[in-house]
Amino acid sequence: MSDELKPLINYEQFAAVDLRAGKILEASAHPNADKLVVLKVDLGPLGVRQVLAGIRAYYQPEELVGKTVIVVANLAPRMMRGLESQGMILAGVEGEPATHVVVSTLDKLVAPGSHVQ
């Protein structure tokens, strides 16, 4: 990722992104990809989703279970190394290529599926 600012977007473009609190119920290493973790994420009324994240170099799957993370809930599903990802979790990333990655979590408990603004 470049340090340059991406093009400005207007409020309506940002408002189209549906960010939700998601509780990680399960996490495992992707069987066919060294960088991916397969997450089962509870999004409350939206159900449990499978989300794949390229964070295996920074987290052991078991340390992710129980965390409440921020999920892009309305991202179109995408196949990644043979498995479908039904969203994206947000993370802070330092360096290019990434040298430090920290999953974005909520510092107080909110119900799974709660809106993040």
N, C-alpha and C. Protein backbone atom coordinates (compact mmCIF):
# COMPACT_ATOMS: atom_id res chain seq x y z
N MET A 1 0.83 -1.18 0.00
CA MET A 1 0.00 0.00 0.00
C MET A 1 0.88 1.24 0.00
N SER A 2 0.54 2.14 -0.83
CA SER A 2 1.27 3.39 -0.93
C SER A 2 0.85 4.34 0.18
N ASP A 3 1.75 5.24 0.57
CA ASP A 3 1.41 6.26 1.56
C ASP A 3 0.61 7.41 0.95
N GLU A 4 0.46 7.40 -0.37
CA GLU A 4 -0.31 8.44 -1.03
C GLU A 4 -1.80 8.25 -0.77
N LEU A 5 -2.50 9.36 -0.61
CA LEU A 5 -3.93 9.34 -0.37
C LEU A 5 -4.65 8.90 -1.64
N LYS A 6 -5.60 7.97 -1.49
CA LYS A 6 -6.42 7.56 -2.62
C LYS A 6 -7.35 8.71 -2.99
N PRO A 7 -7.96 8.66 -4.18
CA PRO A 7 -8.87 9.75 -4.57
C PRO A 7 -9.99 9.95 -3.55
N LEU A 8 -10.38 11.21 -3.36
CA LEU A 8 -11.45 11.53 -2.43
C LEU A 8 -12.76 10.91 -2.89
N ILE A 9 -13.56 10.48 -1.92
CA ILE A 9 -14.90 9.98 -2.20
C ILE A 9 -15.89 10.87 -1.47
N ASN A 10 -17.13 10.87 -1.93
CA ASN A 10 -18.13 11.68 -1.24
C ASN A 10 -18.82 10.84 -0.16
N TYR A 11 -19.63 11.49 0.64
CA TYR A 11 -20.29 10.82 1.76
C TYR A 11 -21.16 9.66 1.28
N GLU A 12 -21.87 9.84 0.18
CA GLU A 12 -22.75 8.78 -0.32
C GLU A 12 -21.96 7.52 -0.68
N GLN A 13 -20.78 7.71 -1.25
CA GLN A 13 -19.94 6.55 -1.57
C GLN A 13 -19.51 5.83 -0.30
N PHE A 14 -19.10 6.58 0.71
CA PHE A 14 -18.70 5.96 1.98
C PHE A 14 -19.89 5.28 2.64
N ALA A 15 -21.05 5.94 2.62
CA ALA A 15 -22.25 5.40 3.27
C ALA A 15 -22.70 4.09 2.64
N ALA A 16 -22.27 3.80 1.42
CA ALA A 16 -22.64 2.55 0.76
C ALA A 16 -21.91 1.34 1.36
N VAL A 17 -20.85 1.58 2.11
CA VAL A 17 -20.10 0.49 2.75
C VAL A 17 -20.80 0.15 4.07
N ASP A 18 -21.20 -1.11 4.21
CA ASP A 18 -21.91 -1.56 5.41
C ASP A 18 -20.91 -2.22 6.36
N LEU A 19 -20.49 -1.47 7.38
CA LEU A 19 -19.54 -1.99 8.37
C LEU A 19 -20.33 -2.52 9.56
N ARG A 20 -19.99 -3.72 10.01
CA ARG A 20 -20.68 -4.35 11.13
C ARG A 20 -19.69 -4.97 12.11
N ALA A 21 -20.13 -5.07 13.35
CA ALA A 21 -19.37 -5.79 14.36
C ALA A 21 -19.58 -7.28 14.12
N GLY A 22 -18.50 -8.02 14.13
CA GLY A 22 -18.60 -9.46 13.94
C GLY A 22 -17.76 -10.19 14.97
N LYS A 23 -18.35 -11.20 15.59
CA LYS A 23 -17.62 -11.99 16.58
C LYS A 23 -17.07 -13.24 15.91
N ILE A 24 -15.76 -13.43 16.02
CA ILE A 24 -15.12 -14.60 15.40
C ILE A 24 -15.43 -15.83 16.25
N LEU A 25 -16.13 -16.78 15.65
CA LEU A 25 -16.51 -18.01 16.34
C LEU A 25 -15.49 -19.12 16.14
N GLU A 26 -14.93 -19.18 14.94
CA GLU A 26 -13.96 -20.22 14.60
C GLU A 26 -12.90 -19.61 13.68
N ALA A 27 -11.71 -20.18 13.73
CA ALA A 27 -10.63 -19.75 12.85
C ALA A 27 -9.72 -20.95 12.58
N SER A 28 -9.34 -21.09 11.31
CA SER A 28 -8.44 -22.18 10.95
C SER A 28 -7.57 -21.75 9.78
N ALA A 29 -6.44 -22.41 9.64
CA ALA A 29 -5.55 -22.15 8.52
C ALA A 29 -6.21 -22.67 7.26
N HIS A 30 -6.13 -21.90 6.18
CA HIS A 30 -6.65 -22.34 4.88
C HIS A 30 -5.82 -23.55 4.44
N PRO A 31 -6.47 -24.61 4.00
CA PRO A 31 -5.71 -25.82 3.64
C PRO A 31 -4.84 -25.67 2.40
N ASN A 32 -5.12 -24.68 1.54
CA ASN A 32 -4.38 -24.54 0.28
C ASN A 32 -3.71 -23.19 0.11
N ALA A 33 -3.56 -22.41 1.20
CA ALA A 33 -2.95 -21.09 1.08
C ALA A 33 -2.21 -20.74 2.36
N ASP A 34 -0.92 -20.50 2.24
CA ASP A 34 -0.09 -20.22 3.41
C ASP A 34 -0.43 -18.91 4.11
N LYS A 35 -1.00 -17.94 3.40
CA LYS A 35 -1.25 -16.61 3.98
C LYS A 35 -2.66 -16.44 4.53
N LEU A 36 -3.59 -17.35 4.20
CA LEU A 36 -5.00 -17.14 4.53
C LEU A 36 -5.46 -17.86 5.79
N VAL A 37 -6.34 -17.20 6.52
CA VAL A 37 -7.05 -17.78 7.65
C VAL A 37 -8.53 -17.81 7.28
N VAL A 38 -9.19 -18.93 7.57
CA VAL A 38 -10.62 -19.07 7.31
C VAL A 38 -11.35 -18.79 8.62
N LEU A 39 -12.21 -17.78 8.61
CA LEU A 39 -12.92 -17.36 9.81
C LEU A 39 -14.42 -17.63 9.67
N LYS A 40 -15.05 -18.06 10.73
CA LYS A 40 -16.51 -18.10 10.83
C LYS A 40 -16.87 -16.94 11.74
N VAL A 41 -17.62 -15.97 11.18
CA VAL A 41 -17.89 -14.72 11.88
C VAL A 41 -19.39 -14.55 12.08
N ASP A 42 -19.80 -14.36 13.33
CA ASP A 42 -21.20 -14.13 13.68
C ASP A 42 -21.53 -12.66 13.45
N LEU A 43 -22.47 -12.41 12.53
CA LEU A 43 -22.92 -11.06 12.25
C LEU A 43 -24.36 -10.86 12.74
N GLY A 44 -24.71 -11.56 13.81
CA GLY A 44 -26.03 -11.39 14.42
C GLY A 44 -27.14 -11.70 13.44
N PRO A 45 -28.03 -10.71 13.20
CA PRO A 45 -29.19 -10.96 12.32
C PRO A 45 -28.81 -11.28 10.87
N LEU A 46 -27.57 -10.99 10.48
CA LEU A 46 -27.12 -11.30 9.12
C LEU A 46 -26.59 -12.73 9.01
N GLY A 47 -26.51 -13.42 10.14
CA GLY A 47 -26.05 -14.81 10.15
C GLY A 47 -24.56 -14.95 10.32
N VAL A 48 -24.11 -16.19 10.22
CA VAL A 48 -22.68 -16.51 10.33
C VAL A 48 -22.12 -16.55 8.92
N ARG A 49 -21.01 -15.86 8.73
CA ARG A 49 -20.37 -15.78 7.41
C ARG A 49 -18.97 -16.40 7.47
N GLN A 50 -18.56 -16.92 6.33
CA GLN A 50 -17.18 -17.36 6.16
C GLN A 50 -16.40 -16.20 5.55
N VAL A 51 -15.36 -15.78 6.24
CA VAL A 51 -14.53 -14.68 5.76
C VAL A 51 -13.08 -15.16 5.73
N LEU A 52 -12.42 -14.96 4.61
CA LEU A 52 -11.01 -15.31 4.50
C LEU A 52 -10.17 -14.06 4.65
N ALA A 53 -9.08 -14.16 5.39
CA ALA A 53 -8.22 -13.01 5.65
C ALA A 53 -6.76 -13.41 5.48
N GLY A 54 -6.00 -12.54 4.85
CA GLY A 54 -4.57 -12.80 4.62
C GLY A 54 -3.72 -12.37 5.78
N ILE A 55 -3.98 -12.94 6.95
CA ILE A 55 -3.30 -12.51 8.18
C ILE A 55 -2.57 -13.65 8.89
N ARG A 56 -2.38 -14.76 8.21
CA ARG A 56 -1.79 -15.94 8.86
C ARG A 56 -0.35 -15.70 9.32
N ALA A 57 0.36 -14.82 8.68
CA ALA A 57 1.74 -14.53 9.10
C ALA A 57 1.78 -13.71 10.39
N TYR A 58 0.65 -13.14 10.78
CA TYR A 58 0.60 -12.23 11.93
C TYR A 58 -0.21 -12.76 13.10
N TYR A 59 -1.06 -13.75 12.84
CA TYR A 59 -1.93 -14.31 13.89
C TYR A 59 -2.00 -15.82 13.75
N GLN A 60 -1.96 -16.51 14.88
CA GLN A 60 -2.32 -17.91 14.91
C GLN A 60 -3.84 -17.97 14.92
N PRO A 61 -4.46 -18.88 14.18
CA PRO A 61 -5.92 -18.90 14.13
C PRO A 61 -6.59 -18.90 15.50
N GLU A 62 -6.07 -19.65 16.44
CA GLU A 62 -6.73 -19.76 17.75
C GLU A 62 -6.74 -18.44 18.53
N GLU A 63 -5.81 -17.53 18.27
CA GLU A 63 -5.82 -16.27 19.00
C GLU A 63 -6.86 -15.28 18.47
N LEU A 64 -7.49 -15.60 17.34
CA LEU A 64 -8.53 -14.75 16.78
C LEU A 64 -9.92 -15.07 17.33
N VAL A 65 -10.11 -16.29 17.78
CA VAL A 65 -11.42 -16.73 18.27
C VAL A 65 -11.84 -15.89 19.47
N GLY A 66 -13.08 -15.39 19.40
CA GLY A 66 -13.63 -14.58 20.48
C GLY A 66 -13.49 -13.08 20.27
N LYS A 67 -12.64 -12.66 19.32
CA LYS A 67 -12.47 -11.22 19.07
C LYS A 67 -13.70 -10.67 18.36
N THR A 68 -14.06 -9.42 18.68
CA THR A 68 -15.10 -8.71 17.95
C THR A 68 -14.39 -7.76 17.00
N VAL A 69 -14.56 -8.02 15.71
CA VAL A 69 -13.84 -7.31 14.66
C VAL A 69 -14.81 -6.47 13.83
N ILE A 70 -14.25 -5.63 12.97
CA ILE A 70 -15.05 -4.82 12.06
C ILE A 70 -15.05 -5.52 10.70
N VAL A 71 -16.27 -5.76 10.19
CA VAL A 71 -16.45 -6.52 8.95
C VAL A 71 -17.12 -5.65 7.90
N VAL A 72 -16.60 -5.69 6.67
CA VAL A 72 -17.31 -5.11 5.53
C VAL A 72 -18.33 -6.17 5.13
N ALA A 73 -19.59 -5.94 5.51
CA ALA A 73 -20.62 -6.96 5.37
C ALA A 73 -21.25 -7.01 3.98
N ASN A 74 -21.16 -5.93 3.22
CA ASN A 74 -21.81 -5.93 1.91
C ASN A 74 -20.82 -6.04 0.75
N LEU A 75 -19.64 -6.57 1.01
CA LEU A 75 -18.68 -6.83 -0.04
C LEU A 75 -19.14 -8.07 -0.81
N ALA A 76 -19.12 -8.01 -2.12
CA ALA A 76 -19.55 -9.14 -2.94
C ALA A 76 -18.69 -10.37 -2.61
N PRO A 77 -19.31 -11.56 -2.51
CA PRO A 77 -18.54 -12.77 -2.25
C PRO A 77 -17.47 -13.00 -3.32
N ARG A 78 -16.38 -13.62 -2.90
CA ARG A 78 -15.24 -13.84 -3.80
C ARG A 78 -14.58 -15.17 -3.48
N MET A 79 -14.24 -15.92 -4.51
CA MET A 79 -13.53 -17.18 -4.32
C MET A 79 -12.05 -16.89 -4.11
N MET A 80 -11.48 -17.52 -3.08
CA MET A 80 -10.07 -17.35 -2.78
C MET A 80 -9.47 -18.73 -2.53
N ARG A 81 -8.67 -19.18 -3.46
CA ARG A 81 -8.00 -20.48 -3.35
C ARG A 81 -9.00 -21.60 -3.05
N GLY A 82 -10.12 -21.57 -3.76
CA GLY A 82 -11.10 -22.65 -3.67
C GLY A 82 -12.17 -22.50 -2.61
N LEU A 83 -12.10 -21.45 -1.77
CA LEU A 83 -13.12 -21.21 -0.74
C LEU A 83 -13.73 -19.83 -0.95
N GLU A 84 -15.01 -19.70 -0.61
CA GLU A 84 -15.68 -18.41 -0.77
C GLU A 84 -15.51 -17.54 0.46
N SER A 85 -15.15 -16.28 0.24
CA SER A 85 -15.09 -15.29 1.31
C SER A 85 -16.32 -14.40 1.16
N GLN A 86 -17.04 -14.21 2.27
CA GLN A 86 -18.30 -13.48 2.26
C GLN A 86 -18.19 -12.17 3.05
N GLY A 87 -17.11 -11.47 2.88
CA GLY A 87 -16.87 -10.20 3.56
C GLY A 87 -15.39 -9.97 3.71
N MET A 88 -15.05 -8.95 4.49
CA MET A 88 -13.65 -8.61 4.74
C MET A 88 -13.55 -8.04 6.15
N ILE A 89 -12.50 -8.43 6.86
CA ILE A 89 -12.25 -7.80 8.16
C ILE A 89 -11.24 -6.68 7.95
N LEU A 90 -11.36 -5.63 8.74
CA LEU A 90 -10.46 -4.49 8.63
C LEU A 90 -9.24 -4.68 9.53
N ALA A 91 -8.12 -4.14 9.09
CA ALA A 91 -6.88 -4.25 9.85
C ALA A 91 -5.99 -3.06 9.56
N GLY A 92 -5.17 -2.70 10.52
CA GLY A 92 -4.13 -1.71 10.31
C GLY A 92 -2.92 -2.40 9.72
N VAL A 93 -2.31 -1.77 8.71
CA VAL A 93 -1.18 -2.40 8.00
C VAL A 93 -0.04 -1.40 7.92
N GLU A 94 1.16 -1.82 8.36
CA GLU A 94 2.36 -0.99 8.23
C GLU A 94 3.29 -1.63 7.21
N GLY A 95 3.91 -0.76 6.42
CA GLY A 95 4.93 -1.21 5.48
C GLY A 95 4.37 -1.66 4.15
N GLU A 96 5.29 -1.71 3.17
CA GLU A 96 4.96 -2.21 1.84
C GLU A 96 6.15 -2.98 1.32
N PRO A 97 6.14 -4.30 1.28
CA PRO A 97 5.01 -5.14 1.69
C PRO A 97 4.77 -5.05 3.20
N ALA A 98 3.62 -5.54 3.62
CA ALA A 98 3.21 -5.44 5.02
C ALA A 98 4.25 -6.08 5.95
N THR A 99 4.65 -5.32 6.97
CA THR A 99 5.58 -5.83 7.97
C THR A 99 4.90 -5.99 9.32
N HIS A 100 3.74 -5.34 9.48
CA HIS A 100 3.01 -5.40 10.74
C HIS A 100 1.53 -5.24 10.43
N VAL A 101 0.71 -6.17 10.90
CA VAL A 101 -0.73 -6.15 10.65
C VAL A 101 -1.45 -6.36 11.96
N VAL A 102 -2.43 -5.49 12.25
CA VAL A 102 -3.22 -5.59 13.48
C VAL A 102 -4.70 -5.55 13.11
N VAL A 103 -5.42 -6.61 13.46
CA VAL A 103 -6.84 -6.68 13.18
C VAL A 103 -7.57 -5.59 13.97
N SER A 104 -8.50 -4.89 13.30
CA SER A 104 -9.28 -3.83 13.95
C SER A 104 -10.37 -4.47 14.81
N THR A 105 -10.32 -4.19 16.10
CA THR A 105 -11.31 -4.72 17.02
C THR A 105 -12.02 -3.56 17.72
N LEU A 106 -13.15 -3.88 18.33
CA LEU A 106 -13.88 -2.89 19.10
C LEU A 106 -13.47 -3.02 20.56
N ASP A 107 -13.22 -1.90 21.24
CA ASP A 107 -12.66 -1.96 22.59
C ASP A 107 -13.70 -2.24 23.68
N LYS A 108 -14.99 -2.18 23.33
CA LYS A 108 -16.06 -2.57 24.26
C LYS A 108 -16.98 -3.50 23.51
N LEU A 109 -17.68 -4.34 24.27
CA LEU A 109 -18.55 -5.32 23.63
C LEU A 109 -19.80 -4.68 23.07
N VAL A 110 -20.12 -5.06 21.84
CA VAL A 110 -21.39 -4.72 21.21
C VAL A 110 -21.92 -6.02 20.60
N ALA A 111 -23.20 -6.07 20.38
CA ALA A 111 -23.81 -7.28 19.83
C ALA A 111 -23.32 -7.54 18.40
N PRO A 112 -23.09 -8.80 18.06
CA PRO A 112 -22.74 -9.10 16.69
C PRO A 112 -23.80 -8.55 15.74
N GLY A 113 -23.34 -7.98 14.64
CA GLY A 113 -24.25 -7.39 13.67
C GLY A 113 -24.50 -5.92 13.87
N SER A 114 -24.03 -5.37 15.00
CA SER A 114 -24.23 -3.94 15.24
C SER A 114 -23.53 -3.13 14.17
N HIS A 115 -24.13 -2.01 13.81
CA HIS A 115 -23.52 -1.12 12.82
C HIS A 115 -22.27 -0.47 13.38
N VAL A 116 -21.28 -0.28 12.53
CA VAL A 116 -20.07 0.46 12.86
C VAL A 116 -20.08 1.70 11.98
N GLN A 117 -19.95 2.87 12.62
CA GLN A 117 -20.00 4.13 11.87
C GLN A 117 -18.76 4.94 12.11
